[in-house]
């Protein structure tokens, strides 16, 4: 009877955790869709951080590569996990949620649509909107990590450095959770501060994304405080969001909500458009050249 009750408790906890995660994923995708509709209706990307959505895109793409391509499609990963942890995993049983992977694909599609809106309304960007050096560094780091992944998979570096492929995937997991998925909202917060304007991001996106983050934090706290999950931790899907990244996302979306609903409420755009600023700079350069020509002739 005790074994049966423990099994039921474990199954109930796993079901609850997965359900909360799935609801959070659906709410997040609806938030992204709301932002897409907002841009389409507004016909402007003024005040919206490009880094925010590029960071989200890279995070979703990285998750799809890490969990979909490696944990589901790769026999190498399944074999190495079953050999290293024979009591917890088998070659046929690696806990990865396919529903979350499907949501990653949906998120990527919606983020591509938002990227197309950036291209369509690029003339409405202000002087602070652009791809930052930090994001370029992130992208370069990701390219290096993915390249090394293929090298190790092909045993080019694996034999020399004596690195197991799953050790490399653990490094990728840490990079994705502690960097990519934790700080992609920071550029939008910074842009709001520099422009003192918050209409670039849809209020519906802010609220829905905040609800999604709250679900993630609630789920993380259940795992953290559950005694049964400390015993059956190996049954939790690998691609669930961590409590660390969820707390940071909730913190940053809270700051953005504070900016849009209190600090910069009803503020009008005051920063110059990027296109106009470039014209002004060019005209000033032409005036300087004309002055130099006049001086030389005199």
Protein backbone atom coordinates (compact mmCIF):
# COMPACT_ATOMS: atom_id res chain seq x y z
CA UNK A 1 0.00 0.00 0.00
CA UNK A 2 2.85 2.38 0.82
CA UNK A 3 4.61 1.63 -2.47
CA UNK A 4 1.35 2.24 -4.36
CA UNK A 5 0.72 5.58 -2.61
CA UNK A 6 4.30 6.69 -3.29
CA UNK A 7 3.89 5.77 -6.95
CA UNK A 8 0.63 7.73 -7.17
CA UNK A 9 2.24 10.73 -5.46
CA UNK A 10 5.16 10.62 -7.90
CA UNK A 11 2.83 10.36 -10.92
CA UNK A 12 0.66 13.21 -9.62
CA UNK A 13 3.69 15.45 -9.11
CA UNK A 14 5.07 14.71 -12.59
CA UNK A 15 1.63 15.34 -14.15
CA UNK A 16 1.24 18.64 -12.25
CA UNK A 17 4.71 19.85 -13.22
CA UNK A 18 4.22 18.97 -16.89
CA UNK A 19 0.75 20.58 -16.97
CA UNK A 20 2.04 23.86 -15.54
CA UNK A 21 4.94 23.85 -18.01
CA UNK A 22 2.62 23.19 -20.95
CA UNK A 23 0.22 25.98 -19.94
CA UNK A 24 3.18 28.34 -19.56
CA UNK A 25 4.45 27.46 -23.06
CA UNK A 26 1.04 28.06 -24.64
CA UNK A 27 0.62 31.42 -22.85
CA UNK A 28 4.13 32.48 -23.94
CA UNK A 29 3.39 31.67 -27.59
CA UNK A 30 0.12 33.59 -27.40
CA UNK A 31 2.08 36.54 -25.98
CA UNK A 32 4.45 36.42 -28.98
CA UNK A 33 1.47 36.20 -31.33
CA UNK A 34 -0.08 39.24 -29.60
CA UNK A 35 3.13 41.18 -30.20
CA UNK A 36 3.06 40.22 -33.88
CA UNK A 37 -0.54 41.44 -34.23
CA UNK A 38 0.36 44.63 -32.37
CA UNK A 39 3.19 45.40 -34.81
CA UNK A 40 0.99 44.61 -37.80
CA UNK A 41 -1.72 46.94 -36.54
CA UNK A 42 0.67 49.70 -35.43
CA UNK A 43 2.85 49.51 -38.58
CA UNK A 44 5.90 50.56 -36.58
CA UNK A 45 8.74 48.99 -34.59
CA UNK A 46 9.68 52.22 -32.81
CA UNK A 47 10.80 51.46 -29.25
CA UNK A 48 11.04 47.69 -29.71
CA UNK A 49 14.38 46.01 -29.02
CA UNK A 50 15.73 43.90 -31.87
CA UNK A 51 18.02 42.12 -29.41
CA UNK A 52 14.99 40.95 -27.40
CA UNK A 53 13.46 38.95 -30.23
CA UNK A 54 16.78 37.83 -31.69
CA UNK A 55 17.68 36.56 -28.21
CA UNK A 56 14.35 34.75 -27.92
CA UNK A 57 14.83 33.29 -31.40
CA UNK A 58 18.31 32.00 -30.56
CA UNK A 59 17.08 30.59 -27.25
CA UNK A 60 14.25 28.66 -28.95
CA UNK A 61 16.56 27.50 -31.75
CA UNK A 62 19.17 26.39 -29.25
CA UNK A 63 16.56 24.46 -27.25
CA UNK A 64 15.30 22.78 -30.41
CA UNK A 65 18.86 21.81 -31.39
CA UNK A 66 19.78 20.65 -27.90
CA UNK A 67 16.68 18.62 -27.02
CA UNK A 68 15.13 17.80 -30.39
CA UNK A 69 18.18 17.05 -32.49
CA UNK A 70 20.39 15.57 -29.76
CA UNK A 71 18.21 14.01 -27.06
CA UNK A 72 15.49 12.62 -29.33
CA UNK A 73 17.21 11.99 -32.67
CA UNK A 74 20.69 10.98 -31.51
CA UNK A 75 21.40 7.37 -30.51
CA UNK A 76 24.80 8.46 -29.19
CA UNK A 77 23.19 10.52 -26.42
CA UNK A 78 20.79 7.75 -25.40
CA UNK A 79 23.56 5.13 -25.29
CA UNK A 80 25.93 7.33 -23.26
CA UNK A 81 23.24 8.32 -20.75
CA UNK A 82 22.11 4.73 -20.28
CA UNK A 83 25.71 3.64 -19.71
CA UNK A 84 26.54 6.43 -17.28
CA UNK A 85 23.25 6.25 -15.33
CA UNK A 86 22.01 2.65 -15.83
CA UNK A 87 19.69 2.84 -12.79
CA UNK A 88 17.86 5.93 -14.08
CA UNK A 89 17.87 5.91 -17.88
CA UNK A 90 17.58 3.33 -20.62
CA UNK A 91 18.41 3.64 -24.29
CA UNK A 92 14.69 3.88 -25.09
CA UNK A 93 13.75 6.16 -22.16
CA UNK A 94 15.33 9.63 -22.12
CA UNK A 95 12.87 12.11 -20.49
CA UNK A 96 12.33 14.86 -23.05
CA UNK A 97 8.94 16.48 -23.61
CA UNK A 98 7.90 16.46 -27.27
CA UNK A 99 5.10 18.94 -26.55
CA UNK A 100 7.68 21.54 -25.45
CA UNK A 101 9.71 20.87 -28.61
CA UNK A 102 6.55 21.47 -30.66
CA UNK A 103 6.09 24.75 -28.81
CA UNK A 104 9.70 25.67 -29.62
CA UNK A 105 8.90 25.21 -33.32
CA UNK A 106 5.75 27.36 -33.00
CA UNK A 107 7.74 30.06 -31.17
CA UNK A 108 10.39 30.07 -33.91
CA UNK A 109 7.71 30.51 -36.58
CA UNK A 110 6.09 33.44 -34.72
CA UNK A 111 9.46 35.09 -34.06
CA UNK A 112 10.31 34.84 -37.78
CA UNK A 113 7.04 36.68 -38.52
CA UNK A 114 8.06 39.42 -36.07
CA UNK A 115 11.48 39.56 -37.75
CA UNK A 116 9.74 40.16 -41.09
CA UNK A 117 7.85 43.06 -39.52
CA UNK A 118 11.18 44.53 -38.43
CA UNK A 119 12.31 44.36 -42.05
CA UNK A 120 9.04 45.83 -43.35
CA UNK A 121 8.96 48.76 -40.89
CA UNK A 122 12.73 49.33 -40.59
CA UNK A 123 12.30 53.03 -41.39
CA UNK A 124 10.44 53.53 -38.08
CA UNK A 125 13.43 52.53 -35.90
CA UNK A 126 15.00 55.14 -33.62
CA UNK A 127 18.71 55.84 -33.14
CA UNK A 128 18.99 53.45 -30.16
CA UNK A 129 17.51 50.47 -31.98
CA UNK A 130 20.01 48.06 -33.48
CA UNK A 131 21.90 44.84 -32.90
CA UNK A 132 24.24 45.35 -29.93
CA UNK A 133 27.84 44.19 -29.64
CA UNK A 134 26.85 41.94 -26.73
CA UNK A 135 24.36 40.10 -28.94
CA UNK A 136 26.97 39.71 -31.70
CA UNK A 137 29.32 38.20 -29.08
CA UNK A 138 26.52 35.83 -28.00
CA UNK A 139 25.87 34.78 -31.60
CA UNK A 140 29.58 34.16 -32.22
CA UNK A 141 29.79 32.06 -29.04
CA UNK A 142 26.80 29.99 -30.13
CA UNK A 143 28.35 29.35 -33.54
CA UNK A 144 31.56 28.15 -31.87
CA UNK A 145 29.64 25.89 -29.49
CA UNK A 146 27.52 24.35 -32.27
CA UNK A 147 30.63 23.82 -34.41
CA UNK A 148 32.40 22.08 -31.54
CA UNK A 149 29.27 19.97 -31.09
CA UNK A 150 29.57 18.63 -34.62
CA UNK A 151 33.31 18.08 -34.16
CA UNK A 152 32.82 16.06 -30.99
CA UNK A 153 29.95 14.13 -32.56
CA UNK A 154 32.24 13.23 -35.44
CA UNK A 155 34.96 12.20 -32.96
CA UNK A 156 37.36 14.84 -34.33
CA UNK A 157 37.89 16.43 -30.93
CA UNK A 158 36.42 13.59 -28.87
CA UNK A 159 39.41 11.34 -29.27
CA UNK A 160 41.96 14.10 -28.63
CA UNK A 161 40.33 15.77 -25.62
CA UNK A 162 38.67 12.62 -24.25
CA UNK A 163 35.30 14.39 -23.96
CA UNK A 164 32.07 12.41 -23.82
CA UNK A 165 29.32 13.85 -25.98
CA UNK A 166 26.88 14.09 -23.06
CA UNK A 167 29.44 16.15 -21.09
CA UNK A 168 29.47 18.58 -23.96
CA UNK A 169 25.64 18.66 -23.99
CA UNK A 170 25.68 19.45 -20.27
CA UNK A 171 27.84 22.49 -21.06
CA UNK A 172 25.36 23.52 -23.77
CA UNK A 173 22.49 23.07 -21.31
CA UNK A 174 24.20 25.32 -18.75
CA UNK A 175 24.94 27.97 -21.39
CA UNK A 176 21.34 27.93 -22.64
CA UNK A 177 19.72 28.09 -19.19
CA UNK A 178 22.08 30.44 -17.39
CA UNK A 179 22.66 32.90 -20.24
CA UNK A 180 20.38 32.69 -23.28
CA UNK A 181 17.09 31.99 -21.49
CA UNK A 182 17.76 34.27 -18.52
CA UNK A 183 18.70 37.70 -19.88
CA UNK A 184 16.99 38.21 -23.25
CA UNK A 185 14.55 40.73 -21.68
CA UNK A 186 17.39 42.97 -20.49
CA UNK A 187 17.83 44.80 -23.87
CA UNK A 188 14.16 45.86 -23.87
CA UNK A 189 14.46 47.18 -20.32
CA UNK A 190 17.58 49.14 -21.32
CA UNK A 191 15.91 50.54 -24.46
CA UNK A 192 12.88 51.67 -22.45
CA UNK A 193 15.22 53.44 -20.04
CA UNK A 194 17.20 55.19 -22.80
CA UNK A 195 14.11 56.29 -24.75
CA UNK A 196 11.81 56.76 -21.73
CA UNK A 197 9.16 55.28 -23.99
CA UNK A 198 7.40 51.90 -23.67
CA UNK A 199 4.91 51.68 -26.55
CA UNK A 200 7.21 49.47 -28.62
CA UNK A 201 6.25 46.40 -26.61
CA UNK A 202 2.60 45.41 -26.50
CA UNK A 203 1.02 45.64 -23.04
CA UNK A 204 -0.72 42.35 -23.82
CA UNK A 205 2.67 40.74 -24.44
CA UNK A 206 4.01 42.09 -21.14
CA UNK A 207 1.07 40.79 -19.10
CA UNK A 208 0.87 37.39 -20.81
CA UNK A 209 4.62 36.86 -20.68
CA UNK A 210 4.55 37.81 -16.99
CA UNK A 211 1.83 35.20 -16.38
CA UNK A 212 3.92 32.62 -18.24
CA UNK A 213 6.96 33.43 -16.09
CA UNK A 214 4.85 33.24 -12.92
CA UNK A 215 3.72 29.73 -13.94
CA UNK A 216 7.35 28.77 -14.52
CA UNK A 217 8.42 30.05 -11.10
CA UNK A 218 5.50 28.26 -9.43
CA UNK A 219 6.48 25.02 -11.16
CA UNK A 220 10.12 25.48 -10.13
CA UNK A 221 9.12 26.01 -6.51
CA UNK A 222 7.04 22.81 -6.58
CA UNK A 223 10.07 20.85 -7.78
CA UNK A 224 12.33 22.60 -5.25
CA UNK A 225 10.08 21.87 -2.25
CA UNK A 226 8.73 18.46 -3.24
CA UNK A 227 10.27 15.57 -1.34
CA UNK A 228 9.16 13.02 -3.96
CA UNK A 229 10.86 15.02 -6.74
CA UNK A 230 14.15 14.80 -4.82
CA UNK A 231 13.82 11.03 -5.15
CA UNK A 232 12.37 10.84 -8.67
CA UNK A 233 14.32 13.77 -10.16
CA UNK A 234 15.43 11.62 -13.10
CA UNK A 235 11.82 11.44 -14.40
CA UNK A 236 11.57 15.21 -14.87
CA UNK A 237 11.91 16.11 -18.58
CA UNK A 238 15.27 17.68 -19.46
CA UNK A 239 13.74 20.55 -21.42
CA UNK A 240 11.72 22.09 -18.59
CA UNK A 241 12.67 25.69 -17.76
CA UNK A 242 14.87 26.05 -14.71
CA UNK A 243 13.89 28.06 -11.63
CA UNK A 244 16.98 30.25 -12.16
CA UNK A 245 16.00 31.43 -15.66
CA UNK A 246 12.31 31.73 -14.68
CA UNK A 247 13.13 34.02 -11.74
CA UNK A 248 15.28 36.29 -13.91
CA UNK A 249 12.58 36.48 -16.60
CA UNK A 250 9.93 37.30 -13.99
CA UNK A 251 12.23 39.96 -12.50
CA UNK A 252 12.89 41.67 -15.84
CA UNK A 253 9.28 41.52 -17.07
CA UNK A 254 8.28 43.01 -13.70
CA UNK A 255 10.67 45.92 -14.29
CA UNK A 256 9.31 46.42 -17.81
CA UNK A 257 5.73 46.44 -16.47
CA UNK A 258 6.80 49.02 -13.89
CA UNK A 259 8.25 51.17 -16.65
CA UNK A 260 5.22 50.93 -18.94
CA UNK A 261 2.48 51.30 -16.30
CA UNK A 262 4.10 53.76 -13.90
CA UNK A 263 7.47 55.35 -14.72
CA UNK A 264 6.95 56.19 -18.41
CA UNK A 265 3.17 56.03 -18.62
CA UNK A 266 1.76 58.14 -21.51
CA UNK A 267 5.24 59.32 -22.49
CA UNK A 268 5.52 60.42 -26.13
CA UNK A 269 8.40 59.43 -28.43
CA UNK A 270 11.21 61.99 -28.22
CA UNK A 271 14.17 60.08 -29.70
CA UNK A 272 14.87 60.77 -33.38
CA UNK A 273 14.20 58.19 -36.05
CA UNK A 274 17.33 56.45 -37.29
CA UNK A 275 16.68 57.40 -40.92
CA UNK A 276 16.22 61.09 -40.10
CA UNK A 277 19.30 61.09 -37.88
CA UNK A 278 21.38 59.67 -40.74
CA UNK A 279 20.08 62.39 -43.07
CA UNK A 280 20.97 65.08 -40.53
CA UNK A 281 24.49 63.68 -40.10
CA UNK A 282 24.98 63.54 -43.87
CA UNK A 283 23.72 67.10 -44.32
CA UNK A 284 26.04 68.33 -41.56
CA UNK A 285 28.99 66.55 -43.21
CA UNK A 286 28.10 68.14 -46.55
CA UNK A 287 27.89 71.58 -44.90
CA UNK A 288 31.31 71.05 -43.31
CA UNK A 289 32.76 70.11 -46.70
CA UNK A 290 31.22 73.20 -48.31
CA UNK A 291 32.70 75.41 -45.54
CA UNK A 292 36.14 73.87 -46.13
CA UNK A 293 35.85 74.51 -49.87
CA UNK A 294 34.89 78.19 -49.20
CA UNK A 295 37.83 78.62 -46.82
CA UNK A 296 40.26 77.14 -49.37
CA UNK A 297 39.00 79.38 -52.17
CA UNK A 298 39.28 82.48 -49.95
